[in-house]
Amino acid sequence: MMSDIVLNRDQIHKLGEIVSHFKEINKFRIKTDSISGIGACISVSFTLFDDKENDTSIDITDISDW
């Protein structure tokens, strides 16, 4: 089952900043959850250190529309 992830312009810009900053990273995982009950929380995770997969996570949730 596929589901859409909707990102606004600011979130796309944040993704670009993350990719530019972490040049050594080739794979990024985008996660969403709705545990807030208000809107979707979106984070980007990736493996920065060799000892644990997806050990670094950055929240790119935009709460301006909540």
N, C-alpha and C. Protein backbone atom coordinates (compact mmCIF):
# COMPACT_ATOMS: atom_id res chain seq x y z
N MET A 1 0.84 -1.18 0.00
CA MET A 1 0.00 0.00 0.00
C MET A 1 0.89 1.25 0.00
N MET A 2 0.62 2.15 -0.91
CA MET A 2 1.39 3.38 -1.01
C MET A 2 0.63 4.52 -0.36
N SER A 3 1.37 5.43 0.21
CA SER A 3 0.76 6.64 0.74
C SER A 3 1.62 7.83 0.34
N ASP A 4 1.01 8.96 0.22
CA ASP A 4 1.70 10.17 -0.19
C ASP A 4 2.30 10.89 1.01
N ILE A 5 3.44 11.48 0.77
CA ILE A 5 4.04 12.40 1.73
C ILE A 5 4.02 13.76 1.07
N VAL A 6 3.35 14.70 1.69
CA VAL A 6 3.23 16.04 1.13
C VAL A 6 4.20 16.96 1.88
N LEU A 7 5.09 17.58 1.13
CA LEU A 7 6.05 18.52 1.71
C LEU A 7 5.81 19.89 1.12
N ASN A 8 5.93 20.91 1.96
CA ASN A 8 5.80 22.26 1.43
C ASN A 8 7.18 22.77 1.01
N ARG A 9 7.22 23.96 0.48
CA ARG A 9 8.45 24.53 -0.05
C ARG A 9 9.53 24.64 1.02
N ASP A 10 9.15 25.04 2.24
CA ASP A 10 10.13 25.17 3.33
C ASP A 10 10.74 23.82 3.68
N GLN A 11 9.94 22.78 3.70
CA GLN A 11 10.45 21.45 4.02
C GLN A 11 11.39 20.94 2.92
N ILE A 12 11.05 21.22 1.68
CA ILE A 12 11.94 20.85 0.57
C ILE A 12 13.27 21.59 0.71
N HIS A 13 13.21 22.86 1.08
CA HIS A 13 14.42 23.65 1.29
C HIS A 13 15.27 23.05 2.42
N LYS A 14 14.62 22.65 3.52
CA LYS A 14 15.34 22.01 4.63
C LYS A 14 16.01 20.72 4.19
N LEU A 15 15.31 19.93 3.36
CA LEU A 15 15.91 18.71 2.82
C LEU A 15 17.18 19.04 2.03
N GLY A 16 17.10 20.07 1.21
CA GLY A 16 18.26 20.49 0.43
C GLY A 16 19.43 20.90 1.32
N GLU A 17 19.13 21.60 2.42
CA GLU A 17 20.17 21.99 3.36
C GLU A 17 20.81 20.77 4.01
N ILE A 18 19.99 19.81 4.38
CA ILE A 18 20.50 18.58 5.01
C ILE A 18 21.41 17.83 4.05
N VAL A 19 20.96 17.67 2.81
CA VAL A 19 21.74 16.95 1.80
C VAL A 19 23.05 17.69 1.53
N SER A 20 23.00 19.01 1.46
CA SER A 20 24.22 19.79 1.21
C SER A 20 25.20 19.72 2.37
N HIS A 21 24.67 19.71 3.58
CA HIS A 21 25.53 19.69 4.77
C HIS A 21 26.19 18.33 4.98
N PHE A 22 25.44 17.26 4.79
CA PHE A 22 25.94 15.91 5.01
C PHE A 22 26.29 15.27 3.66
N LYS A 23 27.33 15.77 3.03
CA LYS A 23 27.72 15.33 1.68
C LYS A 23 28.13 13.87 1.62
N GLU A 24 28.58 13.31 2.74
CA GLU A 24 29.04 11.92 2.75
C GLU A 24 27.89 10.92 2.84
N ILE A 25 26.68 11.39 3.08
CA ILE A 25 25.52 10.51 3.23
C ILE A 25 24.84 10.33 1.87
N ASN A 26 24.56 9.08 1.51
CA ASN A 26 23.92 8.79 0.22
C ASN A 26 22.44 8.43 0.34
N LYS A 27 22.02 7.96 1.51
CA LYS A 27 20.63 7.52 1.67
C LYS A 27 19.99 8.25 2.86
N PHE A 28 18.78 8.75 2.62
CA PHE A 28 18.00 9.45 3.63
C PHE A 28 16.63 8.78 3.71
N ARG A 29 16.11 8.67 4.91
CA ARG A 29 14.79 8.07 5.12
C ARG A 29 13.84 9.16 5.63
N ILE A 30 12.71 9.30 4.98
CA ILE A 30 11.70 10.27 5.42
C ILE A 30 10.61 9.50 6.13
N LYS A 31 10.33 9.91 7.38
CA LYS A 31 9.31 9.24 8.19
C LYS A 31 8.21 10.23 8.56
N THR A 32 7.00 9.72 8.60
CA THR A 32 5.88 10.53 9.06
C THR A 32 5.13 9.78 10.14
N ASP A 33 4.58 10.54 11.05
CA ASP A 33 3.65 9.95 12.02
C ASP A 33 2.66 11.03 12.41
N SER A 34 1.55 10.59 12.92
CA SER A 34 0.47 11.51 13.29
C SER A 34 0.12 11.41 14.76
N ILE A 35 1.11 11.13 15.58
CA ILE A 35 0.83 10.95 17.01
C ILE A 35 0.47 12.25 17.70
N SER A 36 0.76 13.39 17.07
CA SER A 36 0.43 14.67 17.69
C SER A 36 -1.08 14.91 17.70
N GLY A 37 -1.80 14.30 16.77
CA GLY A 37 -3.24 14.50 16.67
C GLY A 37 -3.60 15.79 15.95
N ILE A 38 -2.62 16.61 15.63
CA ILE A 38 -2.86 17.89 14.97
C ILE A 38 -2.53 17.80 13.49
N GLY A 39 -1.41 17.21 13.18
CA GLY A 39 -0.96 17.08 11.81
C GLY A 39 0.21 16.12 11.75
N ALA A 40 0.68 15.87 10.56
CA ALA A 40 1.77 14.91 10.38
C ALA A 40 3.10 15.51 10.84
N CYS A 41 3.84 14.72 11.60
CA CYS A 41 5.21 15.07 11.99
C CYS A 41 6.13 14.37 10.98
N ILE A 42 7.06 15.12 10.43
CA ILE A 42 7.93 14.58 9.40
C ILE A 42 9.38 14.73 9.84
N SER A 43 10.12 13.64 9.72
CA SER A 43 11.53 13.68 10.07
C SER A 43 12.36 12.99 8.99
N VAL A 44 13.62 13.38 8.93
CA VAL A 44 14.57 12.80 8.00
C VAL A 44 15.63 12.11 8.84
N SER A 45 15.87 10.85 8.57
CA SER A 45 16.90 10.13 9.33
C SER A 45 17.92 9.54 8.37
N PHE A 46 19.12 9.34 8.92
CA PHE A 46 20.21 8.78 8.13
C PHE A 46 21.26 8.24 9.07
N THR A 47 22.15 7.45 8.52
CA THR A 47 23.22 6.84 9.31
C THR A 47 24.46 7.71 9.21
N LEU A 48 24.81 8.33 10.33
CA LEU A 48 25.98 9.18 10.39
C LEU A 48 27.19 8.44 10.95
N PHE A 49 26.93 7.52 11.86
CA PHE A 49 27.99 6.73 12.49
C PHE A 49 27.81 5.27 12.10
N ASP A 50 28.88 4.53 12.06
CA ASP A 50 28.84 3.15 11.58
C ASP A 50 28.18 2.16 12.54
N ASP A 51 28.01 2.52 13.78
CA ASP A 51 27.57 1.54 14.77
C ASP A 51 26.05 1.32 14.83
N LYS A 52 25.26 2.21 14.24
CA LYS A 52 23.81 2.04 14.32
C LYS A 52 23.14 2.66 13.09
N GLU A 53 22.24 1.92 12.46
CA GLU A 53 21.55 2.41 11.28
C GLU A 53 20.55 3.50 11.65
N ASN A 54 20.45 4.52 10.82
CA ASN A 54 19.54 5.65 11.04
C ASN A 54 19.69 6.24 12.43
N ASP A 55 20.93 6.51 12.82
CA ASP A 55 21.21 7.02 14.16
C ASP A 55 21.00 8.52 14.31
N THR A 56 20.79 9.22 13.21
CA THR A 56 20.61 10.66 13.26
C THR A 56 19.25 11.00 12.65
N SER A 57 18.50 11.87 13.33
CA SER A 57 17.18 12.24 12.86
C SER A 57 17.00 13.75 13.01
N ILE A 58 16.44 14.37 11.97
CA ILE A 58 16.18 15.81 11.98
C ILE A 58 14.70 16.01 11.68
N ASP A 59 14.03 16.74 12.56
CA ASP A 59 12.61 17.02 12.41
C ASP A 59 12.43 18.16 11.43
N ILE A 60 11.64 17.95 10.38
CA ILE A 60 11.36 19.03 9.41
C ILE A 60 9.86 19.35 9.40
N THR A 61 9.17 19.04 10.49
CA THR A 61 7.74 19.33 10.60
C THR A 61 7.52 20.83 10.51
N ASP A 62 6.57 21.23 9.69
CA ASP A 62 6.18 22.63 9.58
C ASP A 62 4.85 22.79 10.29
N ILE A 63 4.87 23.48 11.41
CA ILE A 63 3.65 23.62 12.21
C ILE A 63 2.90 24.91 11.89
N SER A 64 3.32 25.65 10.88
CA SER A 64 2.67 26.94 10.57
C SER A 64 1.22 26.76 10.12
N ASP A 65 0.87 25.61 9.59
CA ASP A 65 -0.51 25.37 9.15
C ASP A 65 -1.39 24.70 10.20
N TRP A 66 -0.82 24.41 11.36
CA TRP A 66 -1.59 23.70 12.40
C TRP A 66 -2.55 24.61 13.09
